[in-house]
Each structure stands twice: as structure tokens, then as C-alpha cells.
Amino acid sequence: MHGPSIHDVAATARRLRLTDGRAAAKAHVEAESATERFARDPAAQLALGGLYTELGFADEAEAAFRAALALKPGSITARNAIATLLLERGQPDAAVAELARLVDEQPRQALFLSNLLLTSQYVPGVTAESLFDLHKLWRARFPAPTPLAATPRDPDPERKLTVAFLSADFAHHAVGYFMRPLFAALTPDRCRLIAIASGARRDAVTPLFAALAHDWHDVGEKPDAEVAALVASLGVDVLVDMAGHTAGNRLGVF
């Protein structure tokens, strides 16, 4: 018997968190992952760290990420995960130091520079000039995509605008909390509202967004160029990015 995969363990843990609470979910994860198979697999340890992070157990998450790094020394994925967790644990300086090393070692990896841009905002005493320099570096390394051909728009000032929001956080999330009143205010008589979901997270809040939107589109892992083509085909007048450099962003669409 091989036992359940990490994906099965995660699915059960998420259900337990909703029905029995975080402690029950943690106990299930600990029981199912305490095997030699998990202990020897760096990918499983990475997934385990991500699951513990999701459940809110930072100590266990960091232990799993560091176990993954020990199993696969130099793993850039594990190092990035540790840096991200260090920020969540209130250690932005340590997180920035590790991310800066990753950016130097992997200059064409957009994820690491994006994470450095986000994390740097939390460093006490950070200057606007240094943040601006990082953003200039981002644009220099990752230029804006070639714009799609402009689609003619009806110039009638009385017509309803088509407004689309692109987000990975149509769920229980700080961004979701900010967006919901805005969605409610953009009533059908004022505009055509489109939600473009780029993340996999779905919970009890997600249907509330879906009910308020005229159209809902899941883009998941679709390439940026394909998402941009979708936006053009929908006749969007205003596309609103709700992510910036946060997790699940699709900056390549803009």
C-alpha cells in the first residue's frame, strides 16, 4: 500500500478545517505524512509546507520547506518558499536577503523578482527611490507585452462600459473583502461587470462574486497571451488588475 498522495491528504485536511477546525486538519496531515515515503520526497515536503502554510501553522511549514531544501540542496523552489514564509513570520529583512540572492542567481525568473518587489515594501525604512529602482529593473528585464490591435469602441457617452477585474482572490482574502462592495456598487444599469479568475481558490465567498458579475471566466494556468486575447474578445473597456506583485498575479497580461 502506497497510502494517500499529498493531494489527497490536502483535500481531506481542507474539509476537516471547515468541519472540525484547524487542529483536526493538522492532526490528519501529521498522521498521514509521518511516513518514510513523505520523508524522502522533496516535492512532497514542499507541498506539505504549502499545506501547513495554508492551514496557518508556520513552524510546521518552515520545517517542511527546510526538509525539502535538505533533500535537494540549493533548490530554488524551496528557497523561495522559505523566503515567502519568512515575510509572513514578520522577518522581511531576512526574506529580502534570500530573494535578492535568488534574483542575482536567476535573473530571468520573473517570480523571484516579483516576490522581491512585494517583500521589499514591508522592510522598515525602505525608500521610495529604492522601490522605484526595483520596479525599473522589473520593466527592463520583463518588458510589457506587445499590445493587441485596438478594437473600435462605440463612442456613445451614454453606453454602458464593460469593466473587467482580473484577480486570483475571488474568495476569503483581503483583496476579496475590498472588492465585494465595489462589485455591489457596479450595478447592471451602470456597467457590464466581468470577473476573470486567475487563481484556484474557491470557497463560500466565490459564488457571491459570481452572482454579481455579468460574466465569469476561469483562466487558471492559461498563458498570458491567451488571457489578453480573451480580454480583447470580450470588448473590455477597463481592465482592473487586483494583484500587483502578490501571489497569482498575471502582470504579463498588461
Protein backbone atom coordinates (compact mmCIF):
# COMPACT_ATOMS: atom_id res chain seq x y z
CA MET A 1 0.00 0.00 0.00
CA HIS A 2 1.40 3.35 -1.04
CA GLY A 3 -1.04 5.36 1.03
CA PRO A 4 -2.73 8.63 0.05
CA SER A 5 -0.93 11.20 -2.09
CA ILE A 6 -0.18 14.67 -0.76
CA HIS A 7 -3.08 15.93 -2.89
CA ASP A 8 -5.46 13.50 -1.18
CA VAL A 9 -4.09 14.50 2.23
CA ALA A 10 -4.60 18.18 1.38
CA ALA A 11 -8.16 17.66 0.16
CA THR A 12 -9.14 15.86 3.37
CA ALA A 13 -7.36 18.46 5.53
CA ARG A 14 -9.27 21.28 3.86
CA ARG A 15 -12.58 19.52 4.51
CA LEU A 16 -11.62 18.90 8.14
CA ARG A 17 -10.68 22.53 8.61
CA LEU A 18 -14.19 23.54 7.60
CA THR A 19 -16.00 20.89 9.64
CA ASP A 20 -13.78 20.22 12.68
CA GLY A 21 -11.30 23.10 12.80
CA ARG A 22 -7.61 23.68 12.17
CA ALA A 23 -6.37 21.35 14.92
CA ALA A 24 -8.18 18.38 13.40
CA ALA A 25 -6.84 19.25 9.96
CA LYS A 26 -3.30 19.46 11.33
CA ALA A 27 -3.62 16.13 13.14
CA HIS A 28 -4.74 14.46 9.91
CA VAL A 29 -1.79 15.92 7.97
CA GLU A 30 0.69 14.87 10.63
CA ALA A 31 -0.67 11.32 10.78
CA GLU A 32 -0.74 10.81 7.03
CA SER A 33 2.65 12.42 6.30
CA ALA A 34 4.62 10.65 9.04
CA THR A 35 5.92 8.03 6.63
CA GLU A 36 9.28 7.26 5.05
CA ARG A 37 7.75 7.95 1.64
CA PHE A 38 6.99 11.55 2.56
CA ALA A 39 10.24 12.00 4.46
CA ARG A 40 12.37 11.13 1.42
CA ASP A 41 10.47 13.14 -1.20
CA PRO A 42 11.46 16.83 -1.59
CA ALA A 43 8.40 17.57 -3.74
CA ALA A 44 6.12 16.10 -1.07
CA GLN A 45 7.85 18.18 1.60
CA LEU A 46 7.34 21.32 -0.47
CA ALA A 47 3.66 20.51 -0.90
CA LEU A 48 3.42 19.73 2.80
CA GLY A 49 4.94 23.11 3.65
CA GLY A 50 2.44 24.82 1.40
CA LEU A 51 -0.42 22.97 3.06
CA TYR A 52 0.77 23.86 6.56
CA THR A 53 1.08 27.49 5.44
CA GLU A 54 -2.49 27.39 4.14
CA LEU A 55 -3.70 25.92 7.43
CA GLY A 56 -1.85 28.57 9.45
CA PHE A 57 0.94 26.51 11.05
CA ALA A 58 4.11 28.45 10.32
CA ASP A 59 6.53 26.34 12.39
CA GLU A 60 5.48 23.14 10.68
CA ALA A 61 5.53 24.85 7.28
CA GLU A 62 9.08 26.09 7.74
CA ALA A 63 10.24 22.68 8.95
CA ALA A 64 8.80 21.06 5.81
CA PHE A 65 10.35 23.64 3.49
CA ARG A 66 13.74 23.22 5.15
CA ALA A 67 13.39 19.44 4.91
CA ALA A 68 12.80 19.85 1.17
CA LEU A 69 15.92 22.00 0.91
CA ALA A 70 17.96 19.43 2.84
CA LEU A 71 16.76 16.69 0.50
CA LYS A 72 17.52 18.81 -2.56
CA PRO A 73 20.28 21.29 -1.61
CA GLY A 74 20.14 24.56 -3.49
CA SER A 75 16.52 24.07 -4.57
CA ILE A 76 15.39 27.48 -5.76
CA THR A 77 11.76 26.49 -5.22
CA ALA A 78 12.39 25.62 -1.57
CA ARG A 79 14.45 28.77 -1.02
CA ASN A 80 11.69 30.93 -2.49
CA ALA A 81 9.11 29.20 -0.30
CA ILE A 82 11.23 29.80 2.81
CA ALA A 83 11.69 33.47 1.90
CA THR A 84 7.94 33.89 1.41
CA LEU A 85 7.27 32.27 4.77
CA LEU A 86 9.88 34.47 6.48
CA LEU A 87 7.89 37.51 5.36
CA GLU A 88 4.70 36.02 6.78
CA ARG A 89 6.55 35.41 10.05
CA GLY A 90 7.49 39.08 10.32
CA GLN A 91 11.08 38.79 9.10
CA PRO A 92 11.10 40.92 5.93
CA ASP A 93 14.83 41.69 6.07
CA ALA A 94 15.75 38.00 6.04
CA ALA A 95 13.21 37.37 3.30
CA VAL A 96 14.57 40.19 1.14
CA ALA A 97 18.14 38.96 1.59
CA GLU A 98 17.27 35.47 0.33
CA LEU A 99 15.14 36.78 -2.53
CA ALA A 100 17.91 39.17 -3.59
CA ARG A 101 20.29 36.21 -3.81
CA LEU A 102 17.76 34.31 -5.91
CA VAL A 103 17.31 37.28 -8.24
CA ASP A 104 21.08 37.53 -8.72
CA GLU A 105 21.37 33.80 -9.42
CA GLN A 106 18.24 33.55 -11.60
CA PRO A 107 17.88 36.91 -13.38
CA ARG A 108 15.28 35.61 -15.87
CA GLN A 109 12.97 34.13 -13.26
CA ALA A 110 10.14 36.65 -13.02
CA LEU A 111 8.69 35.07 -9.88
CA PHE A 112 11.73 35.84 -7.74
CA LEU A 113 11.98 39.49 -8.76
CA SER A 114 8.22 39.87 -8.35
CA ASN A 115 8.44 38.43 -4.83
CA LEU A 116 11.37 40.73 -4.05
CA LEU A 117 9.34 43.74 -5.20
CA LEU A 118 6.44 42.74 -2.95
CA THR A 119 8.55 41.81 0.07
CA SER A 120 10.66 44.98 -0.08
CA GLN A 121 7.55 47.04 0.64
CA TYR A 122 7.49 45.59 4.17
CA VAL A 123 11.08 46.43 5.11
CA PRO A 124 11.17 49.17 7.78
CA GLY A 125 12.74 52.34 6.40
CA VAL A 126 12.54 51.31 2.76
CA THR A 127 12.71 54.36 0.49
CA ALA A 128 10.54 55.26 -2.46
CA GLU A 129 13.71 55.59 -4.53
CA SER A 130 14.83 52.03 -3.86
CA LEU A 131 11.39 50.66 -4.66
CA PHE A 132 11.32 52.69 -7.87
CA ASP A 133 14.71 51.26 -8.85
CA LEU A 134 13.38 47.73 -8.34
CA HIS A 135 10.35 48.48 -10.48
CA LYS A 136 12.58 49.88 -13.22
CA LEU A 137 14.60 46.67 -13.04
CA TRP A 138 11.38 44.67 -13.41
CA ARG A 139 10.38 46.53 -16.56
CA ALA A 140 13.89 46.29 -18.00
CA ARG A 141 14.01 42.52 -17.51
CA PHE A 142 10.39 41.79 -18.28
CA PRO A 143 9.10 44.29 -20.89
CA ALA A 144 5.41 44.88 -21.39
CA PRO A 145 3.85 42.53 -23.95
CA THR A 146 3.17 43.74 -27.45
CA PRO A 147 -0.30 45.35 -27.32
CA LEU A 148 -3.10 43.63 -29.17
CA ALA A 149 -4.61 45.52 -32.06
CA ALA A 150 -7.05 48.13 -30.78
CA THR A 151 -10.72 47.19 -31.12
CA PRO A 152 -13.02 50.03 -32.19
CA ARG A 153 -15.32 51.21 -29.42
CA ASP A 154 -18.75 52.78 -29.64
CA PRO A 155 -18.13 56.46 -28.74
CA ASP A 156 -21.66 56.93 -27.40
CA PRO A 157 -21.14 58.55 -23.97
CA GLU A 158 -24.38 57.00 -22.73
CA ARG A 159 -23.46 53.40 -23.39
CA LYS A 160 -22.56 51.09 -20.51
CA LEU A 161 -18.86 50.41 -20.10
CA THR A 162 -17.55 46.86 -19.87
CA VAL A 163 -15.34 46.64 -16.79
CA ALA A 164 -13.33 43.51 -16.03
CA PHE A 165 -11.49 42.60 -12.82
CA LEU A 166 -8.59 40.17 -13.06
CA SER A 167 -7.82 38.52 -9.72
CA ALA A 168 -6.68 35.31 -8.05
CA ASP A 169 -8.59 36.26 -4.90
CA PHE A 170 -12.32 35.98 -5.51
CA ALA A 171 -12.51 34.27 -2.11
CA HIS A 172 -11.92 34.73 1.63
CA HIS A 173 -8.99 37.10 1.19
CA ALA A 174 -8.18 40.72 1.98
CA VAL A 175 -8.46 41.64 -1.69
CA GLY A 176 -11.78 39.84 -1.90
CA TYR A 177 -13.09 41.84 1.08
CA PHE A 178 -12.16 45.09 -0.66
CA MET A 179 -13.64 44.04 -3.98
CA ARG A 180 -17.06 42.90 -2.84
CA PRO A 181 -18.51 46.38 -2.07
CA LEU A 182 -17.10 47.62 -5.35
CA PHE A 183 -18.75 44.78 -7.25
CA ALA A 184 -22.04 45.51 -5.50
CA ALA A 185 -21.81 49.21 -6.45
CA LEU A 186 -21.20 48.48 -10.14
CA THR A 187 -24.81 47.61 -10.83
CA PRO A 188 -26.00 46.29 -14.23
CA ASP A 189 -27.61 49.61 -15.09
CA ARG A 190 -24.19 51.29 -14.80
CA CYS A 191 -21.84 48.80 -16.47
CA ARG A 192 -21.28 45.27 -17.68
CA LEU A 193 -19.15 43.64 -14.99
CA ILE A 194 -16.81 40.75 -15.81
CA ALA A 195 -14.81 38.65 -13.34
CA ILE A 196 -11.68 36.92 -14.66
CA ALA A 197 -10.42 34.44 -12.07
CA SER A 198 -6.74 33.54 -12.31
CA GLY A 199 -6.47 31.54 -9.08
CA ALA A 200 -7.66 28.10 -7.99
CA ARG A 201 -9.02 29.13 -4.59
CA ARG A 202 -12.78 28.67 -4.26
CA ASP A 203 -14.81 28.99 -1.07
CA ALA A 204 -18.12 30.30 0.24
CA VAL A 205 -17.32 33.85 -0.92
CA THR A 206 -16.67 32.90 -4.55
CA PRO A 207 -20.36 32.44 -5.50
CA LEU A 208 -21.10 35.92 -4.16
CA PHE A 209 -18.76 37.39 -6.76
CA ALA A 210 -20.14 35.13 -9.47
CA ALA A 211 -23.67 36.29 -8.71
CA LEU A 212 -22.69 39.95 -9.07
CA ALA A 213 -20.77 39.54 -12.34
CA HIS A 214 -22.40 39.56 -15.75
CA ASP A 215 -19.74 37.10 -16.97
CA TRP A 216 -17.33 34.82 -15.15
CA HIS A 217 -14.19 33.39 -16.75
CA ASP A 218 -11.73 30.96 -15.18
CA VAL A 219 -8.31 31.37 -16.81
CA GLY A 220 -6.28 29.26 -14.38
CA GLU A 221 -2.90 28.45 -15.89
CA LYS A 222 -3.69 29.75 -19.37
CA PRO A 223 -0.79 31.68 -20.93
CA ASP A 224 -0.83 35.46 -20.53
CA ALA A 225 -1.22 35.96 -24.28
CA GLU A 226 -4.34 33.77 -24.27
CA VAL A 227 -5.82 35.73 -21.36
CA ALA A 228 -5.08 39.02 -23.15
CA ALA A 229 -6.83 37.70 -26.26
CA LEU A 230 -9.84 36.76 -24.12
CA VAL A 231 -9.98 40.28 -22.69
CA ALA A 232 -9.93 41.73 -26.21
CA SER A 233 -12.66 39.37 -27.41
CA LEU A 234 -14.91 40.43 -24.52
CA GLY A 235 -14.80 44.07 -25.61
CA VAL A 236 -13.43 45.21 -22.25
CA ASP A 237 -13.19 48.99 -21.86
CA VAL A 238 -11.44 48.96 -18.49
CA LEU A 239 -9.33 46.07 -17.17
CA VAL A 240 -8.52 46.29 -13.46
CA ASP A 241 -5.56 44.39 -12.00
CA MET A 242 -6.26 43.34 -8.41
CA ALA A 243 -2.94 41.62 -7.71
CA GLY A 244 0.10 43.77 -8.39
CA HIS A 245 3.04 41.57 -7.34
CA THR A 246 1.01 39.42 -4.93
CA ALA A 247 0.56 35.66 -5.37
CA GLY A 248 -1.21 34.54 -8.51
CA ASN A 249 -0.66 37.81 -10.36
CA ARG A 250 -0.95 37.99 -14.14
CA LEU A 251 1.11 41.08 -14.84
CA GLY A 252 2.09 39.64 -18.18
CA VAL A 253 -1.45 40.33 -19.42
CA PHE A 254 -1.00 44.08 -19.06
